[in-house]
Amino acid sequence: MLIVIYDNNMFRLWNLLDGRCIFKRKLGLDPETNKVVHKAIQCKWEPSNGLNYAILYEKKLEVFTAEQELPVSSVTSDTNFNCMEFVSDTEIVTADVSGKLTFVKNIQEEKKTTITLINTKVTRFRDIKCHPGSSTLVTASTEGKLGFYDVELLRKFHIEIGNAKPFKTIKSKSRFLCLSINHLKSPEAAKLPKSKSIGKKKK
């Protein structure tokens, strides 16, 4: 199945086997005015079975199943989100414009969903990625830094607010626009230096 979200917040779910649109709806509507109040910025399927998908708005996260139009869980924020990533089938990490990560657990059921706000020293995140099965979350920031975080350590935060540092940082002289990863070793297996710079060598 394929999900398409248009610039006007129109959502369509397609069955690629027969090229048929299963259903469509307008996202982020105010129930009273029927106008868009939450702008959709990202959508992702859960990595293993594709049974659930998540939609990220500027200040809201919603999780759905392919069979239901209503969300099975949701999280709201006072700060604008930038991006999100599944770190497991039931867990999502979001990044906001103030440099905070939000670890959302038990996304499959609203009453069991919990969140942990995690402070970092990042000014603003551009993108975050986690390869399925990997225990490393990679972040790209607007100031030109790649950060590598241990997902297991992030998961251990059970209080409302935690503080996290990357186990490795790569600094660039250029600004990042996007991020994509293929495979990453565990933090223990990587044995990489804590920081490294990339860019043109001085003559």
N, C-alpha and C. Protein backbone atom coordinates (compact mmCIF):
# COMPACT_ATOMS: atom_id res chain seq x y z
N MET A 1 0.83 -1.19 0.00
CA MET A 1 0.00 0.00 0.00
C MET A 1 0.87 1.25 0.00
N LEU A 2 0.32 2.31 -0.50
CA LEU A 2 1.03 3.57 -0.64
C LEU A 2 0.23 4.69 -0.02
N ILE A 3 0.91 5.55 0.75
CA ILE A 3 0.27 6.73 1.34
C ILE A 3 0.76 7.97 0.61
N VAL A 4 -0.16 8.83 0.25
CA VAL A 4 0.17 10.11 -0.38
C VAL A 4 -0.51 11.22 0.41
N ILE A 5 0.25 12.24 0.78
CA ILE A 5 -0.32 13.41 1.45
C ILE A 5 0.02 14.63 0.59
N TYR A 6 -1.01 15.34 0.19
CA TYR A 6 -0.83 16.50 -0.67
C TYR A 6 -0.59 17.77 0.16
N ASP A 7 -0.19 18.83 -0.53
CA ASP A 7 0.14 20.08 0.14
C ASP A 7 -1.06 20.68 0.87
N ASN A 8 -2.27 20.36 0.43
CA ASN A 8 -3.48 20.88 1.08
C ASN A 8 -3.99 19.96 2.20
N ASN A 9 -3.12 19.00 2.65
CA ASN A 9 -3.45 18.07 3.73
C ASN A 9 -4.42 16.97 3.31
N MET A 10 -4.62 16.80 2.01
CA MET A 10 -5.45 15.68 1.54
C MET A 10 -4.65 14.38 1.63
N PHE A 11 -5.26 13.38 2.26
CA PHE A 11 -4.63 12.08 2.49
C PHE A 11 -5.28 11.03 1.60
N ARG A 12 -4.46 10.21 0.94
CA ARG A 12 -4.98 9.11 0.13
C ARG A 12 -4.18 7.84 0.43
N LEU A 13 -4.89 6.73 0.61
CA LEU A 13 -4.27 5.42 0.81
C LEU A 13 -4.56 4.57 -0.42
N TRP A 14 -3.49 4.13 -1.10
CA TRP A 14 -3.64 3.41 -2.36
C TRP A 14 -3.26 1.95 -2.21
N ASN A 15 -4.00 1.08 -2.90
CA ASN A 15 -3.65 -0.33 -3.05
C ASN A 15 -2.90 -0.45 -4.37
N LEU A 16 -1.59 -0.71 -4.30
CA LEU A 16 -0.78 -0.73 -5.52
C LEU A 16 -1.01 -1.97 -6.37
N LEU A 17 -1.64 -3.01 -5.82
CA LEU A 17 -1.90 -4.22 -6.60
C LEU A 17 -2.92 -3.98 -7.70
N ASP A 18 -3.93 -3.16 -7.40
CA ASP A 18 -4.94 -2.87 -8.42
C ASP A 18 -5.03 -1.38 -8.76
N GLY A 19 -4.13 -0.56 -8.18
CA GLY A 19 -4.12 0.86 -8.49
C GLY A 19 -5.36 1.60 -8.01
N ARG A 20 -5.95 1.10 -6.93
CA ARG A 20 -7.19 1.68 -6.44
C ARG A 20 -6.96 2.47 -5.15
N CYS A 21 -7.59 3.63 -5.05
CA CYS A 21 -7.54 4.42 -3.83
C CYS A 21 -8.54 3.83 -2.83
N ILE A 22 -8.02 3.32 -1.70
CA ILE A 22 -8.89 2.68 -0.71
C ILE A 22 -9.75 3.70 0.00
N PHE A 23 -9.16 4.77 0.45
CA PHE A 23 -9.95 5.86 1.01
C PHE A 23 -9.13 7.15 1.03
N LYS A 24 -9.82 8.26 1.17
CA LYS A 24 -9.17 9.56 1.23
C LYS A 24 -9.87 10.40 2.29
N ARG A 25 -9.14 11.35 2.82
CA ARG A 25 -9.71 12.27 3.81
C ARG A 25 -8.80 13.48 3.96
N LYS A 26 -9.33 14.51 4.57
CA LYS A 26 -8.55 15.72 4.84
C LYS A 26 -8.01 15.62 6.25
N LEU A 27 -6.72 15.87 6.42
CA LEU A 27 -6.06 15.73 7.71
C LEU A 27 -6.05 17.04 8.49
N GLY A 28 -5.94 16.90 9.82
CA GLY A 28 -5.72 18.05 10.68
C GLY A 28 -6.85 19.05 10.72
N LEU A 29 -8.08 18.57 10.64
CA LEU A 29 -9.23 19.48 10.59
C LEU A 29 -9.73 19.82 11.98
N ASP A 30 -10.20 21.05 12.13
CA ASP A 30 -10.89 21.47 13.34
C ASP A 30 -12.31 20.91 13.26
N PRO A 31 -12.77 20.17 14.26
CA PRO A 31 -14.10 19.55 14.19
C PRO A 31 -15.25 20.56 14.11
N GLU A 32 -15.02 21.78 14.60
CA GLU A 32 -16.09 22.78 14.58
C GLU A 32 -16.12 23.56 13.26
N THR A 33 -14.95 23.99 12.79
CA THR A 33 -14.90 24.82 11.58
C THR A 33 -14.64 24.00 10.32
N ASN A 34 -14.16 22.75 10.50
CA ASN A 34 -13.82 21.88 9.38
C ASN A 34 -12.70 22.47 8.51
N LYS A 35 -11.86 23.29 9.13
CA LYS A 35 -10.71 23.88 8.44
C LYS A 35 -9.42 23.25 8.97
N VAL A 36 -8.39 23.25 8.14
CA VAL A 36 -7.11 22.67 8.52
C VAL A 36 -6.44 23.53 9.58
N VAL A 37 -6.14 22.93 10.73
CA VAL A 37 -5.46 23.66 11.81
C VAL A 37 -4.11 23.02 12.14
N HIS A 38 -3.86 21.80 11.63
CA HIS A 38 -2.59 21.12 11.84
C HIS A 38 -2.02 20.74 10.47
N LYS A 39 -0.87 21.33 10.11
CA LYS A 39 -0.25 21.06 8.82
C LYS A 39 0.56 19.77 8.88
N ALA A 40 0.24 18.82 8.00
CA ALA A 40 0.98 17.55 7.95
C ALA A 40 2.34 17.78 7.29
N ILE A 41 3.41 17.25 7.92
CA ILE A 41 4.75 17.46 7.39
C ILE A 41 5.49 16.16 7.08
N GLN A 42 5.02 15.04 7.61
CA GLN A 42 5.73 13.78 7.38
C GLN A 42 4.81 12.59 7.64
N CYS A 43 5.07 11.48 6.94
CA CYS A 43 4.30 10.26 7.14
C CYS A 43 5.21 9.06 6.95
N LYS A 44 5.08 8.05 7.84
CA LYS A 44 5.94 6.87 7.75
C LYS A 44 5.18 5.61 8.17
N TRP A 45 5.50 4.49 7.49
CA TRP A 45 5.02 3.18 7.90
C TRP A 45 5.95 2.62 8.97
N GLU A 46 5.40 1.81 9.88
CA GLU A 46 6.28 1.12 10.84
C GLU A 46 7.13 0.11 10.06
N PRO A 47 8.38 -0.11 10.48
CA PRO A 47 9.38 -0.77 9.64
C PRO A 47 9.18 -2.25 9.35
N SER A 48 8.57 -3.02 10.23
CA SER A 48 8.57 -4.48 10.06
C SER A 48 7.44 -4.99 9.19
N ASN A 49 6.20 -4.76 9.61
CA ASN A 49 5.05 -5.37 8.94
C ASN A 49 4.18 -4.38 8.18
N GLY A 50 4.39 -3.09 8.42
CA GLY A 50 3.57 -2.10 7.74
C GLY A 50 2.13 -2.11 8.19
N LEU A 51 1.89 -2.53 9.43
CA LEU A 51 0.51 -2.57 9.94
C LEU A 51 0.07 -1.22 10.45
N ASN A 52 1.01 -0.43 10.94
CA ASN A 52 0.70 0.91 11.46
C ASN A 52 1.47 1.96 10.67
N TYR A 53 0.95 3.16 10.67
CA TYR A 53 1.68 4.28 10.09
C TYR A 53 1.46 5.51 10.97
N ALA A 54 2.39 6.42 10.89
CA ALA A 54 2.34 7.63 11.71
C ALA A 54 2.34 8.86 10.82
N ILE A 55 1.59 9.86 11.23
CA ILE A 55 1.56 11.15 10.54
C ILE A 55 2.03 12.21 11.52
N LEU A 56 3.02 12.98 11.09
CA LEU A 56 3.57 14.05 11.93
C LEU A 56 3.06 15.39 11.41
N TYR A 57 2.49 16.16 12.32
CA TYR A 57 2.07 17.52 12.02
C TYR A 57 3.06 18.48 12.68
N GLU A 58 2.82 19.76 12.52
CA GLU A 58 3.73 20.75 13.11
C GLU A 58 3.79 20.63 14.63
N LYS A 59 2.66 20.35 15.26
CA LYS A 59 2.65 20.23 16.72
C LYS A 59 1.87 19.01 17.20
N LYS A 60 1.85 17.96 16.36
CA LYS A 60 1.04 16.80 16.71
C LYS A 60 1.57 15.55 16.02
N LEU A 61 1.44 14.42 16.69
CA LEU A 61 1.79 13.11 16.11
C LEU A 61 0.59 12.19 16.26
N GLU A 62 0.19 11.53 15.18
CA GLU A 62 -0.91 10.58 15.21
C GLU A 62 -0.47 9.25 14.62
N VAL A 63 -0.94 8.15 15.24
CA VAL A 63 -0.62 6.80 14.76
C VAL A 63 -1.91 6.10 14.35
N PHE A 64 -1.89 5.46 13.19
CA PHE A 64 -3.08 4.80 12.64
C PHE A 64 -2.76 3.35 12.27
N THR A 65 -3.80 2.57 12.10
CA THR A 65 -3.70 1.27 11.45
C THR A 65 -4.30 1.42 10.05
N ALA A 66 -3.95 0.51 9.16
CA ALA A 66 -4.44 0.60 7.79
C ALA A 66 -5.94 0.38 7.70
N GLU A 67 -6.53 -0.23 8.73
CA GLU A 67 -7.96 -0.55 8.70
C GLU A 67 -8.83 0.53 9.32
N GLN A 68 -8.23 1.51 10.02
CA GLN A 68 -9.01 2.51 10.74
C GLN A 68 -8.68 3.92 10.29
N GLU A 69 -9.71 4.76 10.27
CA GLU A 69 -9.50 6.16 9.92
C GLU A 69 -9.18 7.01 11.14
N LEU A 70 -9.59 6.57 12.32
CA LEU A 70 -9.30 7.32 13.54
C LEU A 70 -7.96 6.86 14.12
N PRO A 71 -7.19 7.77 14.71
CA PRO A 71 -5.89 7.38 15.27
C PRO A 71 -6.02 6.47 16.48
N VAL A 72 -5.08 5.54 16.62
CA VAL A 72 -5.07 4.66 17.79
C VAL A 72 -4.32 5.32 18.94
N SER A 73 -3.49 6.31 18.63
CA SER A 73 -2.80 7.09 19.67
C SER A 73 -2.35 8.42 19.07
N SER A 74 -2.11 9.39 19.95
CA SER A 74 -1.68 10.71 19.48
C SER A 74 -0.90 11.42 20.58
N VAL A 75 -0.03 12.34 20.16
CA VAL A 75 0.78 13.15 21.07
C VAL A 75 0.78 14.57 20.55
N THR A 76 0.61 15.54 21.43
CA THR A 76 0.65 16.95 21.04
C THR A 76 1.84 17.64 21.70
N SER A 77 2.24 18.77 21.12
CA SER A 77 3.41 19.50 21.63
C SER A 77 3.17 20.99 21.53
N ASP A 78 3.83 21.75 22.42
CA ASP A 78 3.79 23.20 22.35
C ASP A 78 4.83 23.74 21.38
N THR A 79 5.80 22.90 21.02
CA THR A 79 6.88 23.28 20.11
C THR A 79 6.72 22.56 18.78
N ASN A 80 7.08 23.24 17.70
CA ASN A 80 6.94 22.65 16.38
C ASN A 80 7.89 21.47 16.18
N PHE A 81 7.34 20.37 15.66
CA PHE A 81 8.16 19.23 15.29
C PHE A 81 8.83 19.49 13.94
N ASN A 82 9.99 18.83 13.75
CA ASN A 82 10.69 18.88 12.47
C ASN A 82 10.61 17.56 11.73
N CYS A 83 10.76 16.46 12.47
CA CYS A 83 10.84 15.15 11.84
C CYS A 83 10.57 14.06 12.87
N MET A 84 10.44 12.83 12.40
CA MET A 84 10.20 11.68 13.28
C MET A 84 10.85 10.45 12.69
N GLU A 85 10.98 9.40 13.50
CA GLU A 85 11.50 8.13 13.03
C GLU A 85 11.03 7.01 13.93
N PHE A 86 10.65 5.87 13.32
CA PHE A 86 10.37 4.65 14.09
C PHE A 86 11.70 4.07 14.56
N VAL A 87 11.82 3.77 15.85
CA VAL A 87 12.99 3.06 16.37
C VAL A 87 12.64 1.61 16.70
N SER A 88 11.36 1.28 16.65
CA SER A 88 10.85 -0.08 16.73
C SER A 88 9.42 -0.04 16.21
N ASP A 89 8.75 -1.19 16.18
CA ASP A 89 7.38 -1.22 15.69
C ASP A 89 6.41 -0.47 16.59
N THR A 90 6.77 -0.28 17.86
CA THR A 90 5.87 0.35 18.82
C THR A 90 6.44 1.62 19.44
N GLU A 91 7.55 2.12 18.87
CA GLU A 91 8.20 3.31 19.44
C GLU A 91 8.60 4.29 18.34
N ILE A 92 8.38 5.56 18.61
CA ILE A 92 8.73 6.62 17.67
C ILE A 92 9.52 7.70 18.42
N VAL A 93 10.52 8.24 17.76
CA VAL A 93 11.24 9.40 18.29
C VAL A 93 10.97 10.58 17.37
N THR A 94 10.57 11.70 17.96
CA THR A 94 10.38 12.93 17.20
C THR A 94 11.45 13.93 17.59
N ALA A 95 11.74 14.87 16.69
CA ALA A 95 12.69 15.94 16.95
C ALA A 95 12.01 17.27 16.67
N ASP A 96 12.25 18.26 17.53
CA ASP A 96 11.58 19.55 17.35
C ASP A 96 12.57 20.66 17.04
N VAL A 97 12.04 21.87 16.83
CA VAL A 97 12.86 23.01 16.41
C VAL A 97 13.70 23.58 17.55
N SER A 98 13.46 23.14 18.78
CA SER A 98 14.23 23.64 19.91
C SER A 98 15.35 22.69 20.32
N GLY A 99 15.57 21.63 19.55
CA GLY A 99 16.65 20.71 19.83
C GLY A 99 16.30 19.62 20.83
N LYS A 100 15.03 19.35 21.03
CA LYS A 100 14.61 18.28 21.94
C LYS A 100 14.14 17.06 21.15
N LEU A 101 14.39 15.88 21.73
CA LEU A 101 13.86 14.63 21.22
C LEU A 101 12.71 14.20 22.12
N THR A 102 11.68 13.62 21.52
CA THR A 102 10.56 13.06 22.29
C THR A 102 10.48 11.58 21.98
N PHE A 103 10.67 10.74 23.00
CA PHE A 103 10.62 9.29 22.85
C PHE A 103 9.21 8.84 23.19
N VAL A 104 8.48 8.34 22.20
CA VAL A 104 7.09 7.92 22.38
C VAL A 104 7.04 6.40 22.38
N LYS A 105 6.52 5.82 23.47
CA LYS A 105 6.46 4.36 23.62
C LYS A 105 5.01 3.87 23.59
N ASN A 106 4.83 2.61 23.23
CA ASN A 106 3.51 1.97 23.20
C ASN A 106 2.52 2.74 22.34
N ILE A 107 2.91 2.99 21.11
CA ILE A 107 2.09 3.82 20.22
C ILE A 107 0.84 3.11 19.74
N GLN A 108 0.76 1.79 19.96
CA GLN A 108 -0.35 1.01 19.42
C GLN A 108 -1.65 1.18 20.20
N GLU A 109 -1.57 1.83 21.38
CA GLU A 109 -2.78 2.01 22.20
C GLU A 109 -2.67 3.30 23.00
N GLU A 110 -3.68 4.15 22.88
CA GLU A 110 -3.66 5.49 23.49
C GLU A 110 -3.43 5.45 24.99
N LYS A 111 -4.14 4.60 25.71
CA LYS A 111 -4.05 4.61 27.16
C LYS A 111 -2.72 4.07 27.68
N LYS A 112 -1.96 3.38 26.84
CA LYS A 112 -0.65 2.87 27.25
C LYS A 112 0.50 3.73 26.75
N THR A 113 0.21 4.71 25.90
CA THR A 113 1.26 5.54 25.31
C THR A 113 1.93 6.42 26.36
N THR A 114 3.25 6.43 26.37
CA THR A 114 4.02 7.29 27.28
C THR A 114 5.04 8.08 26.47
N ILE A 115 5.43 9.25 26.98
CA ILE A 115 6.42 10.07 26.30
C ILE A 115 7.49 10.51 27.28
N THR A 116 8.69 10.68 26.76
CA THR A 116 9.81 11.23 27.53
C THR A 116 10.46 12.33 26.71
N LEU A 117 10.56 13.53 27.27
CA LEU A 117 11.25 14.63 26.62
C LEU A 117 12.74 14.51 26.93
N ILE A 118 13.57 14.57 25.89
CA ILE A 118 15.01 14.40 26.06
C ILE A 118 15.73 15.63 25.55
N ASN A 119 16.43 16.30 26.43
CA ASN A 119 17.20 17.49 26.06
C ASN A 119 18.51 17.09 25.39
N THR A 120 18.91 17.85 24.40
CA THR A 120 20.22 17.69 23.76
C THR A 120 20.85 19.07 23.64
N LYS A 121 22.08 19.11 23.19
CA LYS A 121 22.76 20.38 22.97
C LYS A 121 22.64 20.86 21.53
N VAL A 122 21.77 20.18 20.77
CA VAL A 122 21.54 20.55 19.38
C VAL A 122 20.65 21.79 19.32
N THR A 123 21.00 22.73 18.47
CA THR A 123 20.20 23.94 18.34
C THR A 123 18.87 23.65 17.64
N ARG A 124 18.96 22.93 16.54
CA ARG A 124 17.74 22.58 15.79
C ARG A 124 18.03 21.37 14.90
N PHE A 125 17.15 20.37 14.95
CA PHE A 125 17.33 19.18 14.14
C PHE A 125 16.81 19.40 12.72
N ARG A 126 17.55 18.83 11.76
CA ARG A 126 17.10 18.85 10.37
C ARG A 126 16.40 17.53 10.02
N ASP A 127 16.99 16.40 10.48
CA ASP A 127 16.41 15.09 10.18
C ASP A 127 16.98 14.07 11.16
N ILE A 128 16.25 12.96 11.36
CA ILE A 128 16.71 11.86 12.19
C ILE A 128 16.40 10.55 11.48
N LYS A 129 17.27 9.55 11.65
CA LYS A 129 17.08 8.26 10.99
C LYS A 129 17.55 7.13 11.90
N CYS A 130 16.88 5.98 11.81
CA CYS A 130 17.27 4.78 12.52
C CYS A 130 16.99 3.59 11.61
N HIS A 131 18.03 2.85 11.24
CA HIS A 131 17.84 1.69 10.37
C HIS A 131 17.12 0.59 11.14
N PRO A 132 16.14 -0.10 10.52
CA PRO A 132 15.42 -1.18 11.21
C PRO A 132 16.38 -2.23 11.80
N GLY A 133 16.21 -2.49 13.08
CA GLY A 133 17.07 -3.45 13.76
C GLY A 133 18.32 -2.84 14.36
N SER A 134 18.58 -1.58 14.05
CA SER A 134 19.77 -0.92 14.58
C SER A 134 19.48 -0.31 15.94
N SER A 135 20.52 -0.16 16.75
CA SER A 135 20.36 0.47 18.06
C SER A 135 20.97 1.87 18.06
N THR A 136 21.14 2.44 16.87
CA THR A 136 21.73 3.77 16.74
C THR A 136 20.76 4.70 16.03
N LEU A 137 20.53 5.86 16.64
CA LEU A 137 19.72 6.92 16.04
C LEU A 137 20.67 8.00 15.54
N VAL A 138 20.58 8.31 14.25
CA VAL A 138 21.46 9.33 13.65
C VAL A 138 20.66 10.61 13.44
N THR A 139 21.25 11.72 13.84
CA THR A 139 20.57 13.01 13.70
C THR A 139 21.43 13.95 12.87
N ALA A 140 20.77 14.80 12.08
CA ALA A 140 21.45 15.86 11.34
C ALA A 140 20.88 17.18 11.81
N SER A 141 21.76 18.12 12.15
CA SER A 141 21.31 19.40 12.68
C SER A 141 21.55 20.52 11.68
N THR A 142 20.90 21.64 11.91
CA THR A 142 21.04 22.78 11.00
C THR A 142 22.41 23.43 11.09
N GLU A 143 23.14 23.20 12.19
CA GLU A 143 24.48 23.78 12.30
C GLU A 143 25.56 22.89 11.70
N GLY A 144 25.18 21.85 10.97
CA GLY A 144 26.15 21.03 10.26
C GLY A 144 26.79 19.95 11.10
N LYS A 145 26.02 19.30 11.97
CA LYS A 145 26.56 18.23 12.80
C LYS A 145 25.72 16.97 12.64
N LEU A 146 26.41 15.82 12.58
CA LEU A 146 25.76 14.53 12.65
C LEU A 146 25.97 13.97 14.04
N GLY A 147 24.88 13.56 14.68
CA GLY A 147 24.97 13.00 16.02
C GLY A 147 24.52 11.55 16.02
N PHE A 148 25.23 10.70 16.78
CA PHE A 148 24.92 9.27 16.85
C PHE A 148 24.53 8.95 18.30
N TYR A 149 23.25 8.58 18.50
CA TYR A 149 22.72 8.33 19.84
C TYR A 149 22.40 6.85 20.01
N ASP A 150 22.64 6.34 21.20
CA ASP A 150 22.32 4.95 21.54
C ASP A 150 20.84 4.86 21.89
N VAL A 151 20.07 4.14 21.07
CA VAL A 151 18.63 4.02 21.29
C VAL A 151 18.31 3.37 22.63
N GLU A 152 19.13 2.41 23.02
CA GLU A 152 18.90 1.73 24.30
C GLU A 152 19.02 2.69 25.48
N LEU A 153 19.95 3.62 25.40
CA LEU A 153 20.08 4.61 26.46
C LEU A 153 18.90 5.59 26.46
N LEU A 154 18.45 5.97 25.27
CA LEU A 154 17.29 6.85 25.19
C LEU A 154 16.04 6.16 25.73
N ARG A 155 15.94 4.87 25.49
CA ARG A 155 14.78 4.10 25.93
C ARG A 155 14.73 3.98 27.45
N LYS A 156 15.86 4.05 28.10
CA LYS A 156 15.92 3.87 29.55
C LYS A 156 15.38 5.06 30.33
N PHE A 157 15.22 6.21 29.66
CA PHE A 157 14.67 7.37 30.35
C PHE A 157 13.20 7.12 30.65
N HIS A 158 12.84 7.05 31.91
CA HIS A 158 11.44 6.83 32.30
C HIS A 158 10.83 8.08 32.94
N ILE A 159 11.67 9.05 33.27
CA ILE A 159 11.14 10.29 33.84
C ILE A 159 10.64 11.18 32.72
N GLU A 160 9.99 12.27 33.11
CA GLU A 160 9.38 13.13 32.10
C GLU A 160 10.42 13.84 31.23
N ILE A 161 11.55 14.23 31.83
CA ILE A 161 12.58 14.93 31.08
C ILE A 161 13.93 14.28 31.35
N GLY A 162 14.69 14.01 30.31
CA GLY A 162 16.02 13.44 30.44
C GLY A 162 17.03 14.27 29.66
N ASN A 163 18.30 13.92 29.78
CA ASN A 163 19.36 14.60 29.05
C ASN A 163 20.22 13.55 28.36
N ALA A 164 20.53 13.76 27.10
CA ALA A 164 21.28 12.77 26.33
C ALA A 164 22.41 13.44 25.55
N LYS A 165 23.51 12.70 25.42
CA LYS A 165 24.64 13.13 24.62
C LYS A 165 24.94 12.07 23.56
N PRO A 166 25.32 12.45 22.36
CA PRO A 166 25.67 11.46 21.34
C PRO A 166 26.98 10.76 21.69
N PHE A 167 27.10 9.48 21.34
CA PHE A 167 28.36 8.78 21.59
C PHE A 167 29.39 9.10 20.50
N LYS A 168 28.93 9.74 19.44
CA LYS A 168 29.84 10.20 18.38
C LYS A 168 29.22 11.41 17.68
N THR A 169 30.09 12.33 17.28
CA THR A 169 29.66 13.52 16.55
C THR A 169 30.56 13.75 15.35
N ILE A 170 29.98 14.06 14.22
CA ILE A 170 30.73 14.43 13.02
C ILE A 170 30.34 15.87 12.65
N LYS A 171 31.34 16.71 12.52
CA LYS A 171 31.10 18.12 12.20
C LYS A 171 31.40 18.38 10.74
N SER A 172 30.55 19.16 10.11
CA SER A 172 30.73 19.52 8.71
C SER A 172 30.79 21.03 8.56
N LYS A 173 31.48 21.49 7.52
CA LYS A 173 31.55 22.92 7.25
C LYS A 173 30.37 23.39 6.42
N SER A 174 29.52 22.45 6.02
CA SER A 174 28.34 22.78 5.22
C SER A 174 27.07 22.42 5.98
N ARG A 175 25.95 22.99 5.58
CA ARG A 175 24.67 22.71 6.21
C ARG A 175 24.01 21.50 5.54
N PHE A 176 23.39 20.66 6.36
CA PHE A 176 22.72 19.47 5.85
C PHE A 176 21.28 19.80 5.45
N LEU A 177 20.81 19.12 4.40
CA LEU A 177 19.43 19.25 3.95
C LEU A 177 18.61 18.02 4.29
N CYS A 178 19.22 16.84 4.22
CA CYS A 178 18.50 15.59 4.47
C CYS A 178 19.47 14.52 4.91
N LEU A 179 18.95 13.34 5.21
CA LEU A 179 19.77 12.27 5.77
C LEU A 179 19.20 10.93 5.36
N SER A 180 20.08 9.99 5.00
CA SER A 180 19.67 8.63 4.68
C SER A 180 20.78 7.69 5.15
N ILE A 181 20.40 6.54 5.72
CA ILE A 181 21.38 5.59 6.21
C ILE A 181 21.08 4.20 5.68
N ASN A 182 22.10 3.35 5.63
CA ASN A 182 21.94 1.98 5.15
C ASN A 182 22.08 0.99 6.29
N HIS A 183 23.25 0.96 6.92
CA HIS A 183 23.48 0.01 8.02
C HIS A 183 24.46 0.63 9.00
N LEU A 184 24.18 0.45 10.29
CA LEU A 184 25.05 0.97 11.33
C LEU A 184 25.33 -0.10 12.36
N LYS A 185 26.59 -0.18 12.78
CA LYS A 185 26.94 -1.10 13.86
C LYS A 185 26.45 -0.55 15.18
N SER A 186 26.40 -1.40 16.18
CA SER A 186 26.02 -0.96 17.51
C SER A 186 27.09 -0.02 18.05
N PRO A 187 26.74 0.85 19.01
CA PRO A 187 27.72 1.76 19.59
C PRO A 187 28.96 1.04 20.13
N GLU A 188 28.78 -0.18 20.70
CA GLU A 188 29.90 -0.91 21.25
C GLU A 188 30.80 -1.46 20.14
N ALA A 189 30.18 -1.94 19.05
CA ALA A 189 30.94 -2.55 17.97
C ALA A 189 31.64 -1.52 17.09
N ALA A 190 31.09 -0.32 17.04
CA ALA A 190 31.62 0.70 16.16
C ALA A 190 33.04 1.12 16.58
N LYS A 191 33.24 1.34 17.88
CA LYS A 191 34.53 1.77 18.42
C LYS A 191 35.08 2.95 17.65
N LEU A 192 34.23 3.96 17.48
CA LEU A 192 34.62 5.15 16.74
C LEU A 192 35.03 6.26 17.69
N PRO A 193 35.90 7.17 17.25
CA PRO A 193 36.25 8.30 18.11
C PRO A 193 35.03 9.17 18.37
N LYS A 194 35.06 9.91 19.45
CA LYS A 194 33.89 10.68 19.86
C LYS A 194 33.51 11.76 18.86
N SER A 195 34.48 12.37 18.19
CA SER A 195 34.16 13.44 17.26
C SER A 195 35.11 13.41 16.08
N LYS A 196 34.65 13.95 14.97
CA LYS A 196 35.43 13.99 13.75
C LYS A 196 34.90 15.11 12.89
N SER A 197 35.76 15.70 12.08
CA SER A 197 35.36 16.78 11.19
C SER A 197 35.44 16.32 9.75
N ILE A 198 34.52 16.79 8.93
CA ILE A 198 34.56 16.50 7.51
C ILE A 198 34.55 17.80 6.75
N GLY A 199 35.24 17.83 5.64
CA GLY A 199 35.33 19.05 4.85
C GLY A 199 36.64 19.08 4.11
N LYS A 200 36.94 20.19 3.49
CA LYS A 200 38.15 20.32 2.72
C LYS A 200 39.37 20.42 3.63
N LYS A 201 40.43 19.70 3.24
CA LYS A 201 41.67 19.77 4.00
C LYS A 201 42.41 21.06 3.70
N LYS A 202 43.03 21.59 4.74
CA LYS A 202 43.82 22.79 4.57
C LYS A 202 45.12 22.47 3.84
N LYS A 203 45.50 23.32 2.91
CA LYS A 203 46.75 23.13 2.18
C LYS A 203 47.93 23.59 3.03
